[in-house]
């Protein structure tokens, strides 16, 4: 057993068990990768991967247990480098942020601008994806922190910090029948609704509110992006339900926003990272800036 074989297991996991892609990442030919895997499995006395012909399709029960240890070893290697960089005050490298479109557009610009001024030598890599995939990116060490509303609290391998609490608003063109009078779930249930895709930006809270009221929810368009929802509301396709932070009075002055705080439970955007991760100084600084930005926005909204 050697470190190259353990690195091979990690690369196979990150490439969905693709031998040729794992070989590319390790800068060797595929036959060398296959040979190393055969030797490792022979040493352990049992297969680590489920096979269909020559194709790897998943992990055996033993492979799953071994991969948990490989993850710990890989995290230790990463932590050693981060600790050394902090000790030497090395302000170079890459900071990888996994988030959703809503957070990337409405929360992160200020903190990222301040981070850039503080750490000009650190490159920022941002990936926007679904909350489910953001968690996977953390576990695969393809992101240092994740920022979103859904899913993060469900994983006991993560440190999860609440960032800010927010509410949904209903948006509609000026002159719409819901622009005046009391807003209610009953009135909303009679309208075609445009809102977030399942798993994004408090969609579960929206569904729960209508279910608890025993009212139908007619979602005619779902998207991950608040701006997409606004676009189709402007086309008259229905009433939008979006995060209150996504409504910009200056740019969205053609739309009416009705506060739904009393109708739909509030949601909390969270920051998460692996419990085993050593959090370097630059990451702590960024988290502090996120929390400060969130507090400022909350105070302004209040």
C-alpha atoms as a PDB file:
ATOM      1  CA  UNK A   1       0.000   0.000   0.000  1.00  0.00           C
ATOM      2  CA  UNK A   2       1.324   3.456  -0.897  1.00  0.00           C
ATOM      3  CA  UNK A   3       0.118   7.048  -1.113  1.00  0.00           C
ATOM      4  CA  UNK A   4      -0.194   6.884  -4.906  1.00  0.00           C
ATOM      5  CA  UNK A   5      -2.733   4.087  -4.577  1.00  0.00           C
ATOM      6  CA  UNK A   6      -4.731   6.098  -2.047  1.00  0.00           C
ATOM      7  CA  UNK A   7      -4.563   9.119  -4.358  1.00  0.00           C
ATOM      8  CA  UNK A   8      -5.868   6.887  -7.154  1.00  0.00           C
ATOM      9  CA  UNK A   9      -8.934   5.987  -5.083  1.00  0.00           C
ATOM     10  CA  UNK A  10      -9.666   9.646  -4.462  1.00  0.00           C
ATOM     11  CA  UNK A  11      -9.331  10.484  -8.172  1.00  0.00           C
ATOM     12  CA  UNK A  12     -11.573   7.597  -9.139  1.00  0.00           C
ATOM     13  CA  UNK A  13     -14.248   8.884  -6.763  1.00  0.00           C
ATOM     14  CA  UNK A  14     -13.967  12.434  -8.146  1.00  0.00           C
ATOM     15  CA  UNK A  15     -14.255  11.206 -11.756  1.00  0.00           C
ATOM     16  CA  UNK A  16     -17.227   8.899 -11.105  1.00  0.00           C
ATOM     17  CA  UNK A  17     -14.959   5.843 -11.299  1.00  0.00           C
ATOM     18  CA  UNK A  18     -13.665   6.680 -14.781  1.00  0.00           C
ATOM     19  CA  UNK A  19     -10.241   5.029 -15.161  1.00  0.00           C
ATOM     20  CA  UNK A  20      -9.129   7.122 -18.133  1.00  0.00           C
ATOM     21  CA  UNK A  21     -10.046  10.429 -16.458  1.00  0.00           C
ATOM     22  CA  UNK A  22      -8.351   9.356 -13.218  1.00  0.00           C
ATOM     23  CA  UNK A  23      -5.233   8.500 -15.230  1.00  0.00           C
ATOM     24  CA  UNK A  24      -5.291  11.953 -16.844  1.00  0.00           C
ATOM     25  CA  UNK A  25      -5.490  13.636 -13.455  1.00  0.00           C
ATOM     26  CA  UNK A  26      -2.506  11.609 -12.255  1.00  0.00           C
ATOM     27  CA  UNK A  27      -0.555  12.192 -15.502  1.00  0.00           C
ATOM     28  CA  UNK A  28      -0.073   8.478 -16.183  1.00  0.00           C
ATOM     29  CA  UNK A  29      -1.410   6.019 -18.758  1.00  0.00           C
ATOM     30  CA  UNK A  30      -4.623   4.125 -18.034  1.00  0.00           C
ATOM     31  CA  UNK A  31      -2.870   0.767 -17.921  1.00  0.00           C
ATOM     32  CA  UNK A  32      -0.699   2.007 -15.025  1.00  0.00           C
ATOM     33  CA  UNK A  33      -3.810   3.062 -13.109  1.00  0.00           C
ATOM     34  CA  UNK A  34      -5.479  -0.298 -13.718  1.00  0.00           C
ATOM     35  CA  UNK A  35      -2.354  -2.124 -12.579  1.00  0.00           C
ATOM     36  CA  UNK A  36      -2.088  -0.088  -9.348  1.00  0.00           C
ATOM     37  CA  UNK A  37      -5.733  -0.766  -8.564  1.00  0.00           C
ATOM     38  CA  UNK A  38      -5.276  -4.508  -9.158  1.00  0.00           C
ATOM     39  CA  UNK A  39      -2.234  -4.587  -6.851  1.00  0.00           C
ATOM     40  CA  UNK A  40      -4.068  -2.676  -4.123  1.00  0.00           C
ATOM     41  CA  UNK A  41      -7.127  -4.943  -4.251  1.00  0.00           C
ATOM     42  CA  UNK A  42      -4.874  -8.021  -4.250  1.00  0.00           C
ATOM     43  CA  UNK A  43      -3.076  -6.731  -1.153  1.00  0.00           C
ATOM     44  CA  UNK A  44      -6.378  -6.149   0.649  1.00  0.00           C
ATOM     45  CA  UNK A  45      -7.753  -9.487  -0.500  1.00  0.00           C
ATOM     46  CA  UNK A  46     -11.091  -8.163  -1.772  1.00  0.00           C
ATOM     47  CA  UNK A  47     -12.440  -5.918  -4.574  1.00  0.00           C
ATOM     48  CA  UNK A  48     -13.053  -2.254  -3.763  1.00  0.00           C
ATOM     49  CA  UNK A  49     -15.182  -1.527  -6.838  1.00  0.00           C
ATOM     50  CA  UNK A  50     -18.255  -3.040  -8.458  1.00  0.00           C
ATOM     51  CA  UNK A  51     -17.507  -3.865 -12.102  1.00  0.00           C
ATOM     52  CA  UNK A  52     -19.477  -4.363 -15.299  1.00  0.00           C
ATOM     53  CA  UNK A  53     -16.896  -5.845 -17.612  1.00  0.00           C
ATOM     54  CA  UNK A  54     -13.909  -3.506 -17.409  1.00  0.00           C
ATOM     55  CA  UNK A  55     -16.040  -0.556 -16.262  1.00  0.00           C
ATOM     56  CA  UNK A  56     -16.167   0.520 -12.616  1.00  0.00           C
ATOM     57  CA  UNK A  57     -19.733   1.346 -11.577  1.00  0.00           C
ATOM     58  CA  UNK A  58     -19.545   1.873  -7.802  1.00  0.00           C
ATOM     59  CA  UNK A  59     -17.953   0.930  -4.498  1.00  0.00           C
ATOM     60  CA  UNK A  60     -18.260  -2.395  -2.718  1.00  0.00           C
ATOM     61  CA  UNK A  61     -19.082  -2.286   1.024  1.00  0.00           C
ATOM     62  CA  UNK A  62     -15.355  -2.629   1.737  1.00  0.00           C
ATOM     63  CA  UNK A  63     -14.620   0.103  -0.795  1.00  0.00           C
ATOM     64  CA  UNK A  64     -17.019   2.467   0.972  1.00  0.00           C
ATOM     65  CA  UNK A  65     -15.254   1.884   4.301  1.00  0.00           C
ATOM     66  CA  UNK A  66     -11.804   2.334   2.733  1.00  0.00           C
ATOM     67  CA  UNK A  67     -12.928   5.523   0.991  1.00  0.00           C
ATOM     68  CA  UNK A  68     -13.944   7.050   4.337  1.00  0.00           C
ATOM     69  CA  UNK A  69     -10.352   6.603   5.505  1.00  0.00           C
ATOM     70  CA  UNK A  70      -8.989   7.947   2.216  1.00  0.00           C
ATOM     71  CA  UNK A  71     -11.102  11.075   2.708  1.00  0.00           C
ATOM     72  CA  UNK A  72      -9.565  11.575   6.147  1.00  0.00           C
ATOM     73  CA  UNK A  73      -6.052  11.158   4.750  1.00  0.00           C
ATOM     74  CA  UNK A  74      -6.747  13.599   1.946  1.00  0.00           C
ATOM     75  CA  UNK A  75      -8.189  16.109   4.415  1.00  0.00           C
ATOM     76  CA  UNK A  76      -5.095  15.730   6.618  1.00  0.00           C
ATOM     77  CA  UNK A  77      -2.839  16.451   3.618  1.00  0.00           C
ATOM     78  CA  UNK A  78      -4.847  19.558   2.811  1.00  0.00           C
ATOM     79  CA  UNK A  79      -4.832  20.695   6.450  1.00  0.00           C
ATOM     80  CA  UNK A  80      -1.054  20.306   6.686  1.00  0.00           C
ATOM     81  CA  UNK A  81      -0.564  22.612   3.708  1.00  0.00           C
ATOM     82  CA  UNK A  82      -3.090  25.146   5.043  1.00  0.00           C
ATOM     83  CA  UNK A  83      -1.446  25.180   8.477  1.00  0.00           C
ATOM     84  CA  UNK A  84       1.977  25.713   6.881  1.00  0.00           C
ATOM     85  CA  UNK A  85       0.649  28.530   4.678  1.00  0.00           C
ATOM     86  CA  UNK A  86      -0.909  30.241   7.698  1.00  0.00           C
ATOM     87  CA  UNK A  87       2.300  29.856   9.718  1.00  0.00           C
ATOM     88  CA  UNK A  88       4.371  31.345   6.886  1.00  0.00           C
ATOM     89  CA  UNK A  89       1.722  34.019   6.198  1.00  0.00           C
ATOM     90  CA  UNK A  90       1.477  32.778   2.617  1.00  0.00           C
ATOM     91  CA  UNK A  91      -1.208  34.843   0.898  1.00  0.00           C
ATOM     92  CA  UNK A  92      -1.334  32.877  -2.341  1.00  0.00           C
ATOM     93  CA  UNK A  93      -3.461  30.023  -3.552  1.00  0.00           C
ATOM     94  CA  UNK A  94      -7.112  29.468  -4.484  1.00  0.00           C
ATOM     95  CA  UNK A  95     -10.220  30.038  -2.386  1.00  0.00           C
ATOM     96  CA  UNK A  96     -13.159  27.973  -3.679  1.00  0.00           C
ATOM     97  CA  UNK A  97     -16.694  29.135  -2.882  1.00  0.00           C
ATOM     98  CA  UNK A  98     -19.741  26.987  -3.688  1.00  0.00           C
ATOM     99  CA  UNK A  99     -23.051  28.822  -3.694  1.00  0.00           C
ATOM    100  CA  UNK A 100     -26.337  29.461  -5.483  1.00  0.00           C
ATOM    101  CA  UNK A 101     -27.112  32.238  -7.943  1.00  0.00           C
ATOM    102  CA  UNK A 102     -29.147  34.174  -5.371  1.00  0.00           C
ATOM    103  CA  UNK A 103     -26.281  34.362  -2.874  1.00  0.00           C
ATOM    104  CA  UNK A 104     -23.664  35.000  -5.579  1.00  0.00           C
ATOM    105  CA  UNK A 105     -25.544  38.037  -6.854  1.00  0.00           C
ATOM    106  CA  UNK A 106     -27.137  39.547  -3.765  1.00  0.00           C
ATOM    107  CA  UNK A 107     -24.870  38.660  -0.806  1.00  0.00           C
ATOM    108  CA  UNK A 108     -21.336  37.970  -2.006  1.00  0.00           C
ATOM    109  CA  UNK A 109     -20.236  41.018  -4.073  1.00  0.00           C
ATOM    110  CA  UNK A 110     -19.351  43.224  -1.065  1.00  0.00           C
ATOM    111  CA  UNK A 111     -17.471  40.545   0.916  1.00  0.00           C
ATOM    112  CA  UNK A 112     -15.614  39.372  -2.192  1.00  0.00           C
ATOM    113  CA  UNK A 113     -14.531  42.927  -3.047  1.00  0.00           C
ATOM    114  CA  UNK A 114     -13.175  43.410   0.476  1.00  0.00           C
ATOM    115  CA  UNK A 115     -11.515  39.968   0.388  1.00  0.00           C
ATOM    116  CA  UNK A 116      -9.777  40.891  -2.869  1.00  0.00           C
ATOM    117  CA  UNK A 117      -8.361  44.060  -1.305  1.00  0.00           C
ATOM    118  CA  UNK A 118      -7.183  42.154   1.787  1.00  0.00           C
ATOM    119  CA  UNK A 119      -5.781  39.120  -0.055  1.00  0.00           C
ATOM    120  CA  UNK A 120      -4.920  40.186  -3.619  1.00  0.00           C
ATOM    121  CA  UNK A 121      -2.710  37.123  -4.150  1.00  0.00           C
ATOM    122  CA  UNK A 122      -5.479  34.574  -3.532  1.00  0.00           C
ATOM    123  CA  UNK A 123      -7.536  33.587  -6.550  1.00  0.00           C
ATOM    124  CA  UNK A 124     -11.272  33.187  -6.040  1.00  0.00           C
ATOM    125  CA  UNK A 125     -13.040  30.311  -7.750  1.00  0.00           C
ATOM    126  CA  UNK A 126     -16.826  30.405  -7.487  1.00  0.00           C
ATOM    127  CA  UNK A 127     -19.140  27.610  -8.575  1.00  0.00           C
ATOM    128  CA  UNK A 128     -22.909  28.053  -8.693  1.00  0.00           C
ATOM    129  CA  UNK A 129     -24.989  24.912  -8.363  1.00  0.00           C
ATOM    130  CA  UNK A 130     -27.874  23.254  -6.545  1.00  0.00           C
ATOM    131  CA  UNK A 131     -27.696  22.930  -2.751  1.00  0.00           C
ATOM    132  CA  UNK A 132     -27.410  19.131  -3.080  1.00  0.00           C
ATOM    133  CA  UNK A 133     -24.363  19.486  -5.298  1.00  0.00           C
ATOM    134  CA  UNK A 134     -22.826  22.171  -3.070  1.00  0.00           C
ATOM    135  CA  UNK A 135     -22.660  19.615  -0.253  1.00  0.00           C
ATOM    136  CA  UNK A 136     -21.037  17.105  -2.619  1.00  0.00           C
ATOM    137  CA  UNK A 137     -18.441  19.689  -3.619  1.00  0.00           C
ATOM    138  CA  UNK A 138     -17.462  20.125   0.032  1.00  0.00           C
ATOM    139  CA  UNK A 139     -17.107  16.385   0.554  1.00  0.00           C
ATOM    140  CA  UNK A 140     -15.079  16.010  -2.631  1.00  0.00           C
ATOM    141  CA  UNK A 141     -12.759  18.832  -1.522  1.00  0.00           C
ATOM    142  CA  UNK A 142     -13.736  20.838  -4.600  1.00  0.00           C
ATOM    143  CA  UNK A 143     -14.988  23.727  -2.464  1.00  0.00           C
ATOM    144  CA  UNK A 144     -13.738  25.248   0.790  1.00  0.00           C
ATOM    145  CA  UNK A 145     -17.056  26.702   1.929  1.00  0.00           C
ATOM    146  CA  UNK A 146     -20.657  26.520   0.785  1.00  0.00           C
ATOM    147  CA  UNK A 147     -23.306  29.234   1.133  1.00  0.00           C
ATOM    148  CA  UNK A 148     -26.993  28.505   0.587  1.00  0.00           C
ATOM    149  CA  UNK A 149     -30.336  28.068   2.331  1.00  0.00           C
ATOM    150  CA  UNK A 150     -31.314  24.433   1.757  1.00  0.00           C
ATOM    151  CA  UNK A 151     -29.684  21.102   2.671  1.00  0.00           C
ATOM    152  CA  UNK A 152     -26.622  22.206   4.673  1.00  0.00           C
ATOM    153  CA  UNK A 153     -28.152  21.607   8.104  1.00  0.00           C
ATOM    154  CA  UNK A 154     -28.944  17.998   7.151  1.00  0.00           C
ATOM    155  CA  UNK A 155     -25.277  16.913   7.088  1.00  0.00           C
ATOM    156  CA  UNK A 156     -23.635  16.062  10.410  1.00  0.00           C
ATOM    157  CA  UNK A 157     -20.146  16.168   8.867  1.00  0.00           C
ATOM    158  CA  UNK A 158     -20.385  19.918   8.343  1.00  0.00           C
ATOM    159  CA  UNK A 159     -19.908  22.919  10.571  1.00  0.00           C
ATOM    160  CA  UNK A 160     -22.950  25.062   9.784  1.00  0.00           C
ATOM    161  CA  UNK A 161     -23.196  28.732  10.755  1.00  0.00           C
ATOM    162  CA  UNK A 162     -26.390  30.760  10.307  1.00  0.00           C
ATOM    163  CA  UNK A 163     -25.701  33.823   8.190  1.00  0.00           C
ATOM    164  CA  UNK A 164     -28.972  35.745   7.894  1.00  0.00           C
ATOM    165  CA  UNK A 165     -32.717  35.240   8.021  1.00  0.00           C
ATOM    166  CA  UNK A 166     -34.944  36.369   5.167  1.00  0.00           C
ATOM    167  CA  UNK A 167     -38.528  36.194   3.911  1.00  0.00           C
ATOM    168  CA  UNK A 168     -40.203  35.701   0.567  1.00  0.00           C
ATOM    169  CA  UNK A 169     -42.104  38.366  -1.348  1.00  0.00           C
ATOM    170  CA  UNK A 170     -44.732  38.067  -4.045  1.00  0.00           C
ATOM    171  CA  UNK A 171     -43.968  40.118  -7.156  1.00  0.00           C
ATOM    172  CA  UNK A 172     -46.328  41.163  -9.912  1.00  0.00           C
ATOM    173  CA  UNK A 173     -46.678  43.899 -12.553  1.00  0.00           C
ATOM    174  CA  UNK A 174     -48.226  47.200 -11.535  1.00  0.00           C
ATOM    175  CA  UNK A 175     -52.001  47.058 -11.828  1.00  0.00           C
ATOM    176  CA  UNK A 176     -52.228  43.353 -11.009  1.00  0.00           C
ATOM    177  CA  UNK A 177     -55.261  42.367  -8.932  1.00  0.00           C
ATOM    178  CA  UNK A 178     -53.012  41.275  -6.025  1.00  0.00           C
ATOM    179  CA  UNK A 179     -51.267  44.651  -5.914  1.00  0.00           C
ATOM    180  CA  UNK A 180     -54.052  46.020  -3.695  1.00  0.00           C
ATOM    181  CA  UNK A 181     -55.859  44.710  -0.650  1.00  0.00           C
ATOM    182  CA  UNK A 182     -54.712  42.178   1.913  1.00  0.00           C
ATOM    183  CA  UNK A 183     -52.382  39.539   0.555  1.00  0.00           C
ATOM    184  CA  UNK A 184     -53.207  35.957   1.588  1.00  0.00           C
ATOM    185  CA  UNK A 185     -52.304  32.402   0.671  1.00  0.00           C
ATOM    186  CA  UNK A 186     -55.882  31.921  -0.480  1.00  0.00           C
ATOM    187  CA  UNK A 187     -55.580  34.766  -2.995  1.00  0.00           C
ATOM    188  CA  UNK A 188     -52.170  33.486  -4.112  1.00  0.00           C
ATOM    189  CA  UNK A 189     -53.512  29.958  -4.587  1.00  0.00           C
ATOM    190  CA  UNK A 190     -55.851  31.242  -7.281  1.00  0.00           C
ATOM    191  CA  UNK A 191     -52.913  32.521  -9.355  1.00  0.00           C
ATOM    192  CA  UNK A 192     -50.325  30.771 -11.530  1.00  0.00           C
ATOM    193  CA  UNK A 193     -47.121  30.912  -9.465  1.00  0.00           C
ATOM    194  CA  UNK A 194     -43.558  31.374 -10.696  1.00  0.00           C
ATOM    195  CA  UNK A 195     -40.947  30.442  -8.114  1.00  0.00           C
ATOM    196  CA  UNK A 196     -37.787  28.480  -7.396  1.00  0.00           C
ATOM    197  CA  UNK A 197     -36.940  24.968  -8.489  1.00  0.00           C
ATOM    198  CA  UNK A 198     -37.212  22.263  -5.800  1.00  0.00           C
ATOM    199  CA  UNK A 199     -34.269  22.483  -3.410  1.00  0.00           C
ATOM    200  CA  UNK A 200     -33.534  26.151  -4.110  1.00  0.00           C
ATOM    201  CA  UNK A 201     -34.010  29.305  -2.037  1.00  0.00           C
ATOM    202  CA  UNK A 202     -36.705  28.263   0.409  1.00  0.00           C
ATOM    203  CA  UNK A 203     -38.911  26.344  -2.048  1.00  0.00           C
ATOM    204  CA  UNK A 204     -39.658  23.819   0.720  1.00  0.00           C
ATOM    205  CA  UNK A 205     -40.939  26.614   2.995  1.00  0.00           C
ATOM    206  CA  UNK A 206     -43.284  27.827   0.249  1.00  0.00           C
ATOM    207  CA  UNK A 207     -44.711  24.344  -0.313  1.00  0.00           C
ATOM    208  CA  UNK A 208     -45.106  23.739   3.431  1.00  0.00           C
ATOM    209  CA  UNK A 209     -47.061  26.972   3.925  1.00  0.00           C
ATOM    210  CA  UNK A 210     -49.632  26.044   1.258  1.00  0.00           C
ATOM    211  CA  UNK A 211     -49.848  22.430   2.439  1.00  0.00           C
ATOM    212  CA  UNK A 212     -50.499  23.515   6.028  1.00  0.00           C
ATOM    213  CA  UNK A 213     -53.252  25.813   4.800  1.00  0.00           C
ATOM    214  CA  UNK A 214     -54.721  22.969   2.674  1.00  0.00           C
ATOM    215  CA  UNK A 215     -54.502  25.158  -0.413  1.00  0.00           C
ATOM    216  CA  UNK A 216     -53.379  24.225  -3.931  1.00  0.00           C
ATOM    217  CA  UNK A 217     -50.114  25.639  -5.251  1.00  0.00           C
ATOM    218  CA  UNK A 218     -50.128  26.050  -9.033  1.00  0.00           C
ATOM    219  CA  UNK A 219     -46.451  26.418  -9.972  1.00  0.00           C
ATOM    220  CA  UNK A 220     -46.400  27.024 -13.720  1.00  0.00           C
ATOM    221  CA  UNK A 221     -42.704  27.897 -13.947  1.00  0.00           C
ATOM    222  CA  UNK A 222     -39.786  27.000 -11.681  1.00  0.00           C
ATOM    223  CA  UNK A 223     -36.229  28.288 -11.987  1.00  0.00           C
ATOM    224  CA  UNK A 224     -33.080  28.461  -9.883  1.00  0.00           C
ATOM    225  CA  UNK A 225     -32.487  32.114 -10.774  1.00  0.00           C
ATOM    226  CA  UNK A 226     -34.497  35.018  -9.315  1.00  0.00           C
ATOM    227  CA  UNK A 227     -33.850  37.112 -12.432  1.00  0.00           C
ATOM    228  CA  UNK A 228     -35.409  34.429 -14.639  1.00  0.00           C
ATOM    229  CA  UNK A 229     -38.528  34.461 -12.458  1.00  0.00           C
ATOM    230  CA  UNK A 230     -38.731  38.271 -12.699  1.00  0.00           C
ATOM    231  CA  UNK A 231     -38.414  38.101 -16.482  1.00  0.00           C
ATOM    232  CA  UNK A 232     -41.434  35.846 -16.857  1.00  0.00           C
ATOM    233  CA  UNK A 233     -43.467  37.770 -14.306  1.00  0.00           C
ATOM    234  CA  UNK A 234     -42.895  40.810 -16.544  1.00  0.00           C
ATOM    235  CA  UNK A 235     -44.259  38.768 -19.457  1.00  0.00           C
ATOM    236  CA  UNK A 236     -47.511  38.292 -17.522  1.00  0.00           C
ATOM    237  CA  UNK A 237     -47.130  34.559 -16.920  1.00  0.00           C
ATOM    238  CA  UNK A 238     -48.145  34.785 -13.267  1.00  0.00           C
ATOM    239  CA  UNK A 239     -47.196  35.948  -9.771  1.00  0.00           C
ATOM    240  CA  UNK A 240     -43.616  35.401  -8.688  1.00  0.00           C
ATOM    241  CA  UNK A 241     -42.556  34.269  -5.218  1.00  0.00           C
ATOM    242  CA  UNK A 242     -38.896  35.117  -4.673  1.00  0.00           C
ATOM    243  CA  UNK A 243     -36.494  35.892  -1.837  1.00  0.00           C
ATOM    244  CA  UNK A 244     -37.043  39.381  -0.476  1.00  0.00           C
ATOM    245  CA  UNK A 245     -33.319  40.064  -0.913  1.00  0.00           C
ATOM    246  CA  UNK A 246     -33.720  39.480  -4.672  1.00  0.00           C
ATOM    247  CA  UNK A 247     -36.175  42.344  -5.118  1.00  0.00           C
ATOM    248  CA  UNK A 248     -34.229  45.509  -5.996  1.00  0.00           C
ATOM    249  CA  UNK A 249     -36.460  48.605  -5.764  1.00  0.00           C
ATOM    250  CA  UNK A 250     -34.278  50.615  -8.140  1.00  0.00           C
ATOM    251  CA  UNK A 251     -34.070  48.034 -10.915  1.00  0.00           C
ATOM    252  CA  UNK A 252     -37.428  46.389 -10.257  1.00  0.00           C
ATOM    253  CA  UNK A 253     -39.541  49.532  -9.962  1.00  0.00           C
ATOM    254  CA  UNK A 254     -41.894  48.190 -12.631  1.00  0.00           C
ATOM    255  CA  UNK A 255     -42.841  45.344 -10.303  1.00  0.00           C
ATOM    256  CA  UNK A 256     -44.894  45.463  -7.100  1.00  0.00           C
ATOM    257  CA  UNK A 257     -43.523  43.466  -4.148  1.00  0.00           C
ATOM    258  CA  UNK A 258     -45.849  42.221  -1.411  1.00  0.00           C
ATOM    259  CA  UNK A 259     -44.242  41.003   1.812  1.00  0.00           C
ATOM    260  CA  UNK A 260     -45.086  37.376   2.675  1.00  0.00           C
ATOM    261  CA  UNK A 261     -43.363  37.283   6.074  1.00  0.00           C
ATOM    262  CA  UNK A 262     -46.634  36.565   7.870  1.00  0.00           C
ATOM    263  CA  UNK A 263     -47.641  33.831   5.417  1.00  0.00           C
ATOM    264  CA  UNK A 264     -44.499  31.799   4.644  1.00  0.00           C
ATOM    265  CA  UNK A 265     -41.996  30.777   7.343  1.00  0.00           C
ATOM    266  CA  UNK A 266     -38.701  32.624   7.257  1.00  0.00           C
ATOM    267  CA  UNK A 267     -35.626  30.968   5.771  1.00  0.00           C
ATOM    268  CA  UNK A 268     -32.017  31.123   6.919  1.00  0.00           C
ATOM    269  CA  UNK A 269     -29.021  31.282   4.641  1.00  0.00           C
ATOM    270  CA  UNK A 270     -26.101  29.334   6.084  1.00  0.00           C
ATOM    271  CA  UNK A 271     -22.346  29.004   5.704  1.00  0.00           C
ATOM    272  CA  UNK A 272     -20.854  25.512   5.902  1.00  0.00           C
ATOM    273  CA  UNK A 273     -17.491  23.765   5.735  1.00  0.00           C
ATOM    274  CA  UNK A 274     -16.169  20.335   6.656  1.00  0.00           C
ATOM    275  CA  UNK A 275     -15.703  19.681  10.369  1.00  0.00           C
ATOM    276  CA  UNK A 276     -12.275  18.171   9.705  1.00  0.00           C
ATOM    277  CA  UNK A 277     -11.143  21.197   7.697  1.00  0.00           C
ATOM    278  CA  UNK A 278      -8.463  23.497   9.089  1.00  0.00           C
ATOM    279  CA  UNK A 279      -9.920  26.946   8.483  1.00  0.00           C
ATOM    280  CA  UNK A 280      -7.106  29.289   7.388  1.00  0.00           C
ATOM    281  CA  UNK A 281      -6.983  32.958   8.280  1.00  0.00           C
ATOM    282  CA  UNK A 282      -8.209  34.144   4.876  1.00  0.00           C
ATOM    283  CA  UNK A 283     -11.253  31.868   5.116  1.00  0.00           C
ATOM    284  CA  UNK A 284     -12.073  33.107   8.618  1.00  0.00           C
ATOM    285  CA  UNK A 285     -11.778  36.665   7.343  1.00  0.00           C
ATOM    286  CA  UNK A 286     -14.204  35.946   4.495  1.00  0.00           C
ATOM    287  CA  UNK A 287     -16.742  34.303   6.817  1.00  0.00           C
ATOM    288  CA  UNK A 288     -16.555  37.332   9.133  1.00  0.00           C
ATOM    289  CA  UNK A 289     -17.137  39.630   6.147  1.00  0.00           C
ATOM    290  CA  UNK A 290     -20.146  37.556   5.074  1.00  0.00           C
ATOM    291  CA  UNK A 291     -21.667  37.799   8.540  1.00  0.00           C
ATOM    292  CA  UNK A 292     -21.010  41.547   8.664  1.00  0.00           C
ATOM    293  CA  UNK A 293     -22.575  42.028   5.214  1.00  0.00           C
ATOM    294  CA  UNK A 294     -25.619  40.014   6.231  1.00  0.00           C
ATOM    295  CA  UNK A 295     -26.019  42.045   9.439  1.00  0.00           C
ATOM    296  CA  UNK A 296     -25.799  45.304   7.472  1.00  0.00           C
ATOM    297  CA  UNK A 297     -28.404  44.184   4.947  1.00  0.00           C
ATOM    298  CA  UNK A 298     -30.695  42.985   7.738  1.00  0.00           C
ATOM    299  CA  UNK A 299     -30.406  46.316   9.554  1.00  0.00           C
ATOM    300  CA  UNK A 300     -31.127  48.241   6.340  1.00  0.00           C
ATOM    301  CA  UNK A 301     -34.153  46.062   5.610  1.00  0.00           C
ATOM    302  CA  UNK A 302     -35.448  46.615   9.121  1.00  0.00           C
END
